[in-house]
Amino acid sequence: MSTGTWGMSLGKAVKTRQRRLRMNHSLLGLGTVLFALLLWELAAKSGILPAVAFPPASAVLAALGQLVIGTGFWIALGATLSGAGVGLLIVVALALPLGLAIGRLQAVAKSTTLVIEFLKPIPPVALLPLALLFWGPSPTMKIFLVVMGALWPLLVQVIYGARGVEKTQLDLSRSYRLGWVRTVRHILLPTLLPHALVGLRVSASIAIVVAVVAELIGGAPGLGQDIALAQNSADLPKMYALIMATGLLGLAINGLFSLISKPLLFWHPSVRTKEN
């Protein structure tokens, strides 16, 4: 067998092993979920869990199936996603230029540190009365809270990424007269992108959580409002089904970012290590 043929066979064997490992991990995760649902079902039907608070898992799954085939659920889901999505777009528009300015310019960093450190620990829920006072139970109120909750992870990561660009690299680009476009493409972007994707992933999860909380407590249209209505009408299977739907939504967003990160960061050591 030639060296080239041996190398191709080894590469195929490695890829096959990687596919089997991913499949085994997926099956293990699925088995864990099914086992948890089985325990829930048995505990609810045996009386270990109080029936007034915990319906059986089969009833919740049946309610989830009824929700999925109805239009009301998708309208509520669209309202939640639109509020979180618009808020996240505003977060990106604010965090990228501000983070770059703070990370690269000492004057901007010194003048904004106090304001950022004051606003960052404030939970979005604490701003809910103020948002309701200005906008009432509306999508604008929800978007405001999403922005105030999801801004900080992305902003902090962009600042760290901007500070990670070495001065010698920038000096080298000026010496070779690469220009702004090439400097951004070959120096700034590779350093900033891993940090920005991590921050955006965290901010997206926070955006969904804050949107649902704003709907649940503030009364804005969406999945959170439907959860509150199901609770008030004592429809526990529907309430738990909606809660399960929000969890599946977060899982889907996490999976989406995993798919996006692989092609964008194929050169990064973290991605290459996972593949190997």
C-alpha atoms as a PDB file:
ATOM      1  CA  MET A   1       0.000   0.000   0.000  1.00  0.00           C
ATOM      2  CA  SER A   2       1.375   3.404  -1.027  1.00  0.00           C
ATOM      3  CA  THR A   3       1.841   6.258   1.428  1.00  0.00           C
ATOM      4  CA  GLY A   4      -0.941   8.316  -0.170  1.00  0.00           C
ATOM      5  CA  THR A   5      -3.446   5.441  -0.051  1.00  0.00           C
ATOM      6  CA  TRP A   6      -2.501   4.699   3.552  1.00  0.00           C
ATOM      7  CA  GLY A   7      -3.003   8.347   4.462  1.00  0.00           C
ATOM      8  CA  MET A   8      -6.446   8.442   2.820  1.00  0.00           C
ATOM      9  CA  SER A   9      -7.492   5.269   4.636  1.00  0.00           C
ATOM     10  CA  LEU A  10      -6.313   6.705   7.934  1.00  0.00           C
ATOM     11  CA  GLY A  11      -8.230   9.932   7.285  1.00  0.00           C
ATOM     12  CA  LYS A  12     -11.426   7.985   6.528  1.00  0.00           C
ATOM     13  CA  ALA A  13     -10.990   5.921   9.675  1.00  0.00           C
ATOM     14  CA  VAL A  14     -10.554   9.057  11.791  1.00  0.00           C
ATOM     15  CA  LYS A  15     -13.670  10.684  10.284  1.00  0.00           C
ATOM     16  CA  THR A  16     -15.681   7.494  10.831  1.00  0.00           C
ATOM     17  CA  ARG A  17     -14.561   7.375  14.452  1.00  0.00           C
ATOM     18  CA  GLN A  18     -15.523  11.022  14.933  1.00  0.00           C
ATOM     19  CA  ARG A  19     -18.998  10.409  13.469  1.00  0.00           C
ATOM     20  CA  ARG A  20     -19.493   7.429  15.774  1.00  0.00           C
ATOM     21  CA  LEU A  21     -18.444   9.459  18.805  1.00  0.00           C
ATOM     22  CA  ARG A  22     -20.871  12.265  17.905  1.00  0.00           C
ATOM     23  CA  MET A  23     -23.656   9.732  17.374  1.00  0.00           C
ATOM     24  CA  ASN A  24     -22.910   8.070  20.708  1.00  0.00           C
ATOM     25  CA  HIS A  25     -22.983  11.433  22.489  1.00  0.00           C
ATOM     26  CA  SER A  26     -26.301  12.313  20.843  1.00  0.00           C
ATOM     27  CA  LEU A  27     -27.822   8.954  21.778  1.00  0.00           C
ATOM     28  CA  LEU A  28     -26.569   9.317  25.340  1.00  0.00           C
ATOM     29  CA  GLY A  29     -28.142  12.753  25.627  1.00  0.00           C
ATOM     30  CA  LEU A  30     -31.417  11.522  24.162  1.00  0.00           C
ATOM     31  CA  GLY A  31     -31.437   8.556  26.522  1.00  0.00           C
ATOM     32  CA  THR A  32     -30.906  10.858  29.506  1.00  0.00           C
ATOM     33  CA  VAL A  33     -33.865  13.012  28.458  1.00  0.00           C
ATOM     34  CA  LEU A  34     -36.116   9.978  27.990  1.00  0.00           C
ATOM     35  CA  PHE A  35     -35.062   8.600  31.386  1.00  0.00           C
ATOM     36  CA  ALA A  36     -35.860  11.939  33.060  1.00  0.00           C
ATOM     37  CA  LEU A  37     -39.299  12.014  31.393  1.00  0.00           C
ATOM     38  CA  LEU A  38     -39.943   8.431  32.553  1.00  0.00           C
ATOM     39  CA  LEU A  39     -39.017   9.331  36.138  1.00  0.00           C
ATOM     40  CA  TRP A  40     -41.302  12.364  35.925  1.00  0.00           C
ATOM     41  CA  GLU A  41     -44.175  10.213  34.661  1.00  0.00           C
ATOM     42  CA  LEU A  42     -43.743   7.586  37.359  1.00  0.00           C
ATOM     43  CA  ALA A  43     -43.331  10.143  40.155  1.00  0.00           C
ATOM     44  CA  ALA A  44     -46.459  12.043  39.091  1.00  0.00           C
ATOM     45  CA  LYS A  45     -48.675   8.962  38.721  1.00  0.00           C
ATOM     46  CA  SER A  46     -47.442   7.347  41.934  1.00  0.00           C
ATOM     47  CA  GLY A  47     -48.174  10.444  43.988  1.00  0.00           C
ATOM     48  CA  ILE A  48     -44.576  11.259  44.861  1.00  0.00           C
ATOM     49  CA  LEU A  49     -45.077  14.576  43.114  1.00  0.00           C
ATOM     50  CA  PRO A  50     -48.279  16.420  44.103  1.00  0.00           C
ATOM     51  CA  ALA A  51     -50.867  16.204  41.318  1.00  0.00           C
ATOM     52  CA  VAL A  52     -52.021  19.791  41.926  1.00  0.00           C
ATOM     53  CA  ALA A  53     -48.597  21.104  40.893  1.00  0.00           C
ATOM     54  CA  PHE A  54     -47.048  18.431  38.662  1.00  0.00           C
ATOM     55  CA  PRO A  55     -49.103  16.795  35.905  1.00  0.00           C
ATOM     56  CA  PRO A  56     -47.674  13.634  34.296  1.00  0.00           C
ATOM     57  CA  ALA A  57     -45.099  14.064  31.560  1.00  0.00           C
ATOM     58  CA  SER A  58     -47.425  12.342  29.084  1.00  0.00           C
ATOM     59  CA  ALA A  59     -50.080  15.027  29.667  1.00  0.00           C
ATOM     60  CA  VAL A  60     -47.497  17.793  29.162  1.00  0.00           C
ATOM     61  CA  LEU A  61     -46.208  16.218  25.947  1.00  0.00           C
ATOM     62  CA  ALA A  62     -49.771  15.836  24.684  1.00  0.00           C
ATOM     63  CA  ALA A  63     -50.427  19.510  25.465  1.00  0.00           C
ATOM     64  CA  LEU A  64     -47.222  20.435  23.639  1.00  0.00           C
ATOM     65  CA  GLY A  65     -48.387  18.498  20.608  1.00  0.00           C
ATOM     66  CA  GLN A  66     -51.712  20.349  20.639  1.00  0.00           C
ATOM     67  CA  LEU A  67     -49.895  23.665  20.876  1.00  0.00           C
ATOM     68  CA  VAL A  68     -47.640  22.898  17.927  1.00  0.00           C
ATOM     69  CA  ILE A  69     -50.551  22.173  15.573  1.00  0.00           C
ATOM     70  CA  GLY A  70     -52.339  25.400  16.561  1.00  0.00           C
ATOM     71  CA  THR A  71     -51.700  28.881  15.189  1.00  0.00           C
ATOM     72  CA  GLY A  72     -51.768  30.691  18.545  1.00  0.00           C
ATOM     73  CA  PHE A  73     -48.533  29.069  19.681  1.00  0.00           C
ATOM     74  CA  TRP A  74     -46.663  30.143  16.553  1.00  0.00           C
ATOM     75  CA  ILE A  75     -47.963  33.695  16.842  1.00  0.00           C
ATOM     76  CA  ALA A  76     -46.736  33.846  20.441  1.00  0.00           C
ATOM     77  CA  LEU A  77     -43.411  32.283  19.436  1.00  0.00           C
ATOM     78  CA  GLY A  78     -43.026  34.851  16.671  1.00  0.00           C
ATOM     79  CA  ALA A  79     -43.712  37.678  19.134  1.00  0.00           C
ATOM     80  CA  THR A  80     -41.039  36.355  21.506  1.00  0.00           C
ATOM     81  CA  LEU A  81     -38.488  35.838  18.748  1.00  0.00           C
ATOM     82  CA  SER A  82     -39.167  39.213  17.146  1.00  0.00           C
ATOM     83  CA  GLY A  83     -38.715  41.063  20.449  1.00  0.00           C
ATOM     84  CA  ALA A  84     -35.543  39.167  21.284  1.00  0.00           C
ATOM     85  CA  GLY A  85     -34.243  39.476  17.717  1.00  0.00           C
ATOM     86  CA  VAL A  86     -34.789  43.225  17.399  1.00  0.00           C
ATOM     87  CA  GLY A  87     -33.238  43.758  20.819  1.00  0.00           C
ATOM     88  CA  LEU A  88     -30.256  41.628  19.824  1.00  0.00           C
ATOM     89  CA  LEU A  89     -29.745  43.626  16.612  1.00  0.00           C
ATOM     90  CA  ILE A  90     -29.686  46.825  18.663  1.00  0.00           C
ATOM     91  CA  VAL A  91     -27.212  45.190  21.039  1.00  0.00           C
ATOM     92  CA  VAL A  92     -24.895  44.318  18.132  1.00  0.00           C
ATOM     93  CA  ALA A  93     -25.181  47.850  16.713  1.00  0.00           C
ATOM     94  CA  LEU A  94     -24.251  49.318  20.101  1.00  0.00           C
ATOM     95  CA  ALA A  95     -21.679  46.801  21.352  1.00  0.00           C
ATOM     96  CA  LEU A  96     -19.426  46.528  18.284  1.00  0.00           C
ATOM     97  CA  PRO A  97     -18.444  50.197  17.815  1.00  0.00           C
ATOM     98  CA  LEU A  98     -18.517  50.983  21.537  1.00  0.00           C
ATOM     99  CA  GLY A  99     -16.482  47.898  22.410  1.00  0.00           C
ATOM    100  CA  LEU A 100     -13.901  48.657  19.743  1.00  0.00           C
ATOM    101  CA  ALA A 101     -13.616  52.259  20.939  1.00  0.00           C
ATOM    102  CA  ILE A 102     -13.249  51.237  24.592  1.00  0.00           C
ATOM    103  CA  GLY A 103     -10.800  48.468  23.769  1.00  0.00           C
ATOM    104  CA  ARG A 104      -8.520  50.544  21.563  1.00  0.00           C
ATOM    105  CA  LEU A 105      -8.777  54.094  22.962  1.00  0.00           C
ATOM    106  CA  GLN A 106      -7.668  54.773  26.541  1.00  0.00           C
ATOM    107  CA  ALA A 107      -9.579  58.057  26.730  1.00  0.00           C
ATOM    108  CA  VAL A 108     -12.866  56.350  25.854  1.00  0.00           C
ATOM    109  CA  ALA A 109     -12.175  53.488  28.261  1.00  0.00           C
ATOM    110  CA  LYS A 110     -11.485  55.826  31.179  1.00  0.00           C
ATOM    111  CA  SER A 111     -14.540  57.991  30.481  1.00  0.00           C
ATOM    112  CA  THR A 112     -16.993  55.078  30.191  1.00  0.00           C
ATOM    113  CA  THR A 113     -15.774  52.636  32.866  1.00  0.00           C
ATOM    114  CA  LEU A 114     -17.818  54.158  35.700  1.00  0.00           C
ATOM    115  CA  VAL A 115     -21.040  54.249  33.680  1.00  0.00           C
ATOM    116  CA  ILE A 116     -20.645  50.662  32.449  1.00  0.00           C
ATOM    117  CA  GLU A 117     -19.768  49.282  35.878  1.00  0.00           C
ATOM    118  CA  PHE A 118     -22.812  51.080  37.315  1.00  0.00           C
ATOM    119  CA  LEU A 119     -25.291  49.814  34.714  1.00  0.00           C
ATOM    120  CA  LYS A 120     -23.940  46.277  34.226  1.00  0.00           C
ATOM    121  CA  PRO A 121     -25.042  44.780  37.602  1.00  0.00           C
ATOM    122  CA  ILE A 122     -28.614  46.111  37.308  1.00  0.00           C
ATOM    123  CA  PRO A 123     -30.934  43.175  36.459  1.00  0.00           C
ATOM    124  CA  PRO A 124     -33.386  43.898  33.627  1.00  0.00           C
ATOM    125  CA  VAL A 125     -36.326  42.907  35.837  1.00  0.00           C
ATOM    126  CA  ALA A 126     -35.496  45.825  38.155  1.00  0.00           C
ATOM    127  CA  LEU A 127     -36.073  48.156  35.201  1.00  0.00           C
ATOM    128  CA  LEU A 128     -39.490  46.640  34.444  1.00  0.00           C
ATOM    129  CA  PRO A 129     -41.525  49.265  36.395  1.00  0.00           C
ATOM    130  CA  LEU A 130     -39.695  52.045  34.559  1.00  0.00           C
ATOM    131  CA  ALA A 131     -40.256  50.372  31.184  1.00  0.00           C
ATOM    132  CA  LEU A 132     -43.956  49.829  31.933  1.00  0.00           C
ATOM    133  CA  LEU A 133     -44.279  53.462  32.968  1.00  0.00           C
ATOM    134  CA  PHE A 134     -42.890  54.667  29.644  1.00  0.00           C
ATOM    135  CA  TRP A 135     -44.253  52.100  27.162  1.00  0.00           C
ATOM    136  CA  GLY A 136     -46.773  49.898  28.967  1.00  0.00           C
ATOM    137  CA  PRO A 137     -47.058  46.152  28.162  1.00  0.00           C
ATOM    138  CA  SER A 138     -45.830  46.618  24.597  1.00  0.00           C
ATOM    139  CA  PRO A 139     -43.111  45.169  22.328  1.00  0.00           C
ATOM    140  CA  THR A 140     -41.082  48.362  22.855  1.00  0.00           C
ATOM    141  CA  MET A 141     -40.970  47.674  26.581  1.00  0.00           C
ATOM    142  CA  LYS A 142     -39.757  44.138  25.883  1.00  0.00           C
ATOM    143  CA  ILE A 143     -37.080  45.300  23.435  1.00  0.00           C
ATOM    144  CA  PHE A 144     -35.777  47.865  25.939  1.00  0.00           C
ATOM    145  CA  LEU A 145     -35.374  45.204  28.626  1.00  0.00           C
ATOM    146  CA  VAL A 146     -33.721  42.815  26.170  1.00  0.00           C
ATOM    147  CA  VAL A 147     -31.180  45.474  25.233  1.00  0.00           C
ATOM    148  CA  MET A 148     -30.436  46.299  28.873  1.00  0.00           C
ATOM    149  CA  GLY A 149     -29.963  42.624  29.702  1.00  0.00           C
ATOM    150  CA  ALA A 150     -28.141  41.305  26.629  1.00  0.00           C
ATOM    151  CA  LEU A 151     -25.802  44.227  25.941  1.00  0.00           C
ATOM    152  CA  TRP A 152     -23.117  43.512  28.518  1.00  0.00           C
ATOM    153  CA  PRO A 153     -21.837  40.023  27.568  1.00  0.00           C
ATOM    154  CA  LEU A 154     -21.238  41.047  23.962  1.00  0.00           C
ATOM    155  CA  LEU A 155     -19.790  44.431  24.919  1.00  0.00           C
ATOM    156  CA  VAL A 156     -17.322  42.911  27.394  1.00  0.00           C
ATOM    157  CA  GLN A 157     -16.196  40.266  24.901  1.00  0.00           C
ATOM    158  CA  VAL A 158     -15.698  42.842  22.140  1.00  0.00           C
ATOM    159  CA  ILE A 159     -13.615  44.956  24.531  1.00  0.00           C
ATOM    160  CA  TYR A 160     -11.435  41.950  25.396  1.00  0.00           C
ATOM    161  CA  GLY A 161     -11.099  41.070  21.714  1.00  0.00           C
ATOM    162  CA  ALA A 162     -10.115  44.626  20.765  1.00  0.00           C
ATOM    163  CA  ARG A 163      -7.515  44.714  23.540  1.00  0.00           C
ATOM    164  CA  GLY A 164      -6.129  41.385  22.361  1.00  0.00           C
ATOM    165  CA  VAL A 165      -4.834  42.904  19.126  1.00  0.00           C
ATOM    166  CA  GLU A 166      -1.074  43.296  19.604  1.00  0.00           C
ATOM    167  CA  LYS A 167       0.483  46.673  18.909  1.00  0.00           C
ATOM    168  CA  THR A 168       3.329  45.040  16.981  1.00  0.00           C
ATOM    169  CA  GLN A 169       0.821  43.593  14.488  1.00  0.00           C
ATOM    170  CA  LEU A 170      -0.702  47.016  13.885  1.00  0.00           C
ATOM    171  CA  ASP A 171       2.751  48.559  13.540  1.00  0.00           C
ATOM    172  CA  LEU A 172       3.663  45.862  11.033  1.00  0.00           C
ATOM    173  CA  SER A 173       0.526  46.523   8.999  1.00  0.00           C
ATOM    174  CA  ARG A 174       1.367  50.226   8.883  1.00  0.00           C
ATOM    175  CA  SER A 175       4.937  49.464   7.867  1.00  0.00           C
ATOM    176  CA  TYR A 176       3.749  47.340   4.960  1.00  0.00           C
ATOM    177  CA  ARG A 177       0.983  49.838   4.181  1.00  0.00           C
ATOM    178  CA  LEU A 178      -1.709  47.178   4.171  1.00  0.00           C
ATOM    179  CA  GLY A 179      -4.477  49.724   4.447  1.00  0.00           C
ATOM    180  CA  TRP A 180      -7.552  49.736   6.691  1.00  0.00           C
ATOM    181  CA  VAL A 181      -9.467  46.988   4.868  1.00  0.00           C
ATOM    182  CA  ARG A 182      -6.619  44.463   4.950  1.00  0.00           C
ATOM    183  CA  THR A 183      -5.727  45.374   8.527  1.00  0.00           C
ATOM    184  CA  VAL A 184      -9.297  44.694   9.647  1.00  0.00           C
ATOM    185  CA  ARG A 185      -9.524  41.481   7.627  1.00  0.00           C
ATOM    186  CA  HIS A 186      -6.180  39.902   8.523  1.00  0.00           C
ATOM    187  CA  ILE A 187      -5.427  41.312  11.998  1.00  0.00           C
ATOM    188  CA  LEU A 188      -8.431  42.794  13.778  1.00  0.00           C
ATOM    189  CA  LEU A 189     -11.154  40.380  12.639  1.00  0.00           C
ATOM    190  CA  PRO A 190      -9.335  37.082  13.442  1.00  0.00           C
ATOM    191  CA  THR A 191      -8.614  38.355  16.957  1.00  0.00           C
ATOM    192  CA  LEU A 192     -12.045  39.846  17.552  1.00  0.00           C
ATOM    193  CA  LEU A 193     -14.298  37.198  15.972  1.00  0.00           C
ATOM    194  CA  PRO A 194     -13.906  34.372  18.560  1.00  0.00           C
ATOM    195  CA  HIS A 195     -14.633  36.780  21.414  1.00  0.00           C
ATOM    196  CA  ALA A 196     -17.573  38.359  19.585  1.00  0.00           C
ATOM    197  CA  LEU A 197     -19.182  34.985  18.817  1.00  0.00           C
ATOM    198  CA  VAL A 198     -18.919  33.892  22.450  1.00  0.00           C
ATOM    199  CA  GLY A 199     -20.465  37.157  23.605  1.00  0.00           C
ATOM    200  CA  LEU A 200     -23.192  36.990  20.956  1.00  0.00           C
ATOM    201  CA  ARG A 201     -24.046  33.431  21.955  1.00  0.00           C
ATOM    202  CA  VAL A 202     -24.462  34.426  25.604  1.00  0.00           C
ATOM    203  CA  SER A 203     -26.349  37.599  24.665  1.00  0.00           C
ATOM    204  CA  ALA A 204     -28.766  35.634  22.464  1.00  0.00           C
ATOM    205  CA  SER A 205     -29.615  33.265  25.327  1.00  0.00           C
ATOM    206  CA  ILE A 206     -30.103  36.198  27.696  1.00  0.00           C
ATOM    207  CA  ALA A 207     -32.285  37.937  25.099  1.00  0.00           C
ATOM    208  CA  ILE A 208     -34.688  34.974  25.021  1.00  0.00           C
ATOM    209  CA  VAL A 209     -34.795  34.755  28.820  1.00  0.00           C
ATOM    210  CA  VAL A 210     -35.432  38.482  29.271  1.00  0.00           C
ATOM    211  CA  ALA A 211     -38.073  38.513  26.517  1.00  0.00           C
ATOM    212  CA  VAL A 212     -40.002  35.666  28.174  1.00  0.00           C
ATOM    213  CA  VAL A 213     -39.715  37.302  31.615  1.00  0.00           C
ATOM    214  CA  ALA A 214     -40.918  40.640  30.197  1.00  0.00           C
ATOM    215  CA  GLU A 215     -43.928  38.852  28.717  1.00  0.00           C
ATOM    216  CA  LEU A 216     -44.566  36.830  31.863  1.00  0.00           C
ATOM    217  CA  ILE A 217     -44.403  39.723  34.335  1.00  0.00           C
ATOM    218  CA  GLY A 218     -44.918  42.774  32.152  1.00  0.00           C
ATOM    219  CA  GLY A 219     -47.766  41.383  30.071  1.00  0.00           C
ATOM    220  CA  ALA A 220     -46.234  41.861  26.614  1.00  0.00           C
ATOM    221  CA  PRO A 221     -47.467  39.443  23.913  1.00  0.00           C
ATOM    222  CA  GLY A 222     -45.492  36.222  23.548  1.00  0.00           C
ATOM    223  CA  LEU A 223     -44.775  32.864  25.149  1.00  0.00           C
ATOM    224  CA  GLY A 224     -44.380  34.404  28.607  1.00  0.00           C
ATOM    225  CA  GLN A 225     -47.848  35.933  28.459  1.00  0.00           C
ATOM    226  CA  ASP A 226     -49.285  32.560  27.412  1.00  0.00           C
ATOM    227  CA  ILE A 227     -47.529  30.913  30.368  1.00  0.00           C
ATOM    228  CA  ALA A 228     -49.105  33.440  32.745  1.00  0.00           C
ATOM    229  CA  LEU A 229     -52.555  32.932  31.210  1.00  0.00           C
ATOM    230  CA  ALA A 230     -52.227  29.137  31.501  1.00  0.00           C
ATOM    231  CA  GLN A 231     -51.205  29.492  35.146  1.00  0.00           C
ATOM    232  CA  ASN A 232     -54.124  31.808  35.925  1.00  0.00           C
ATOM    233  CA  SER A 233     -56.573  29.385  34.309  1.00  0.00           C
ATOM    234  CA  ALA A 234     -55.013  26.412  36.197  1.00  0.00           C
ATOM    235  CA  ASP A 235     -54.150  24.680  32.890  1.00  0.00           C
ATOM    236  CA  LEU A 236     -50.979  23.089  34.237  1.00  0.00           C
ATOM    237  CA  PRO A 237     -50.232  20.767  31.294  1.00  0.00           C
ATOM    238  CA  LYS A 238     -50.341  23.734  28.915  1.00  0.00           C
ATOM    239  CA  MET A 239     -48.228  25.823  31.293  1.00  0.00           C
ATOM    240  CA  TYR A 240     -45.526  23.162  31.511  1.00  0.00           C
ATOM    241  CA  ALA A 241     -45.740  22.584  27.750  1.00  0.00           C
ATOM    242  CA  LEU A 242     -45.041  26.263  27.126  1.00  0.00           C
ATOM    243  CA  ILE A 243     -42.148  26.187  29.595  1.00  0.00           C
ATOM    244  CA  MET A 244     -40.788  23.146  27.768  1.00  0.00           C
ATOM    245  CA  ALA A 245     -41.150  25.026  24.474  1.00  0.00           C
ATOM    246  CA  THR A 246     -39.016  27.892  25.795  1.00  0.00           C
ATOM    247  CA  GLY A 247     -36.353  25.375  26.792  1.00  0.00           C
ATOM    248  CA  LEU A 248     -36.424  23.824  23.325  1.00  0.00           C
ATOM    249  CA  LEU A 249     -36.146  27.307  21.850  1.00  0.00           C
ATOM    250  CA  GLY A 250     -32.997  27.974  23.846  1.00  0.00           C
ATOM    251  CA  LEU A 251     -31.607  24.600  22.765  1.00  0.00           C
ATOM    252  CA  ALA A 252     -32.297  25.443  19.121  1.00  0.00           C
ATOM    253  CA  ILE A 253     -30.533  28.811  19.414  1.00  0.00           C
ATOM    254  CA  ASN A 254     -27.528  27.153  21.036  1.00  0.00           C
ATOM    255  CA  GLY A 255     -27.386  24.603  18.217  1.00  0.00           C
ATOM    256  CA  LEU A 256     -27.665  27.360  15.618  1.00  0.00           C
ATOM    257  CA  PHE A 257     -24.671  29.168  17.057  1.00  0.00           C
ATOM    258  CA  SER A 258     -22.713  25.917  17.111  1.00  0.00           C
ATOM    259  CA  LEU A 259     -23.395  25.471  13.393  1.00  0.00           C
ATOM    260  CA  ILE A 260     -22.412  29.073  12.658  1.00  0.00           C
ATOM    261  CA  SER A 261     -19.230  28.955  14.721  1.00  0.00           C
ATOM    262  CA  LYS A 262     -17.702  25.944  12.962  1.00  0.00           C
ATOM    263  CA  PRO A 263     -17.389  27.445   9.447  1.00  0.00           C
ATOM    264  CA  LEU A 264     -16.460  30.884  10.768  1.00  0.00           C
ATOM    265  CA  LEU A 265     -13.823  29.618  13.201  1.00  0.00           C
ATOM    266  CA  PHE A 266     -12.515  26.589  11.303  1.00  0.00           C
ATOM    267  CA  TRP A 267      -8.992  27.951  11.767  1.00  0.00           C
ATOM    268  CA  HIS A 268      -9.312  28.550  15.527  1.00  0.00           C
ATOM    269  CA  PRO A 269      -7.576  26.079  17.899  1.00  0.00           C
ATOM    270  CA  SER A 270     -10.780  25.455  19.892  1.00  0.00           C
ATOM    271  CA  VAL A 271     -12.659  24.237  16.794  1.00  0.00           C
ATOM    272  CA  ARG A 272      -9.729  22.269  15.428  1.00  0.00           C
ATOM    273  CA  THR A 273      -9.239  20.536  18.787  1.00  0.00           C
ATOM    274  CA  LYS A 274     -12.889  19.449  18.885  1.00  0.00           C
ATOM    275  CA  GLU A 275     -12.692  18.067  15.369  1.00  0.00           C
ATOM    276  CA  ASN A 276      -9.526  16.139  16.142  1.00  0.00           C
END
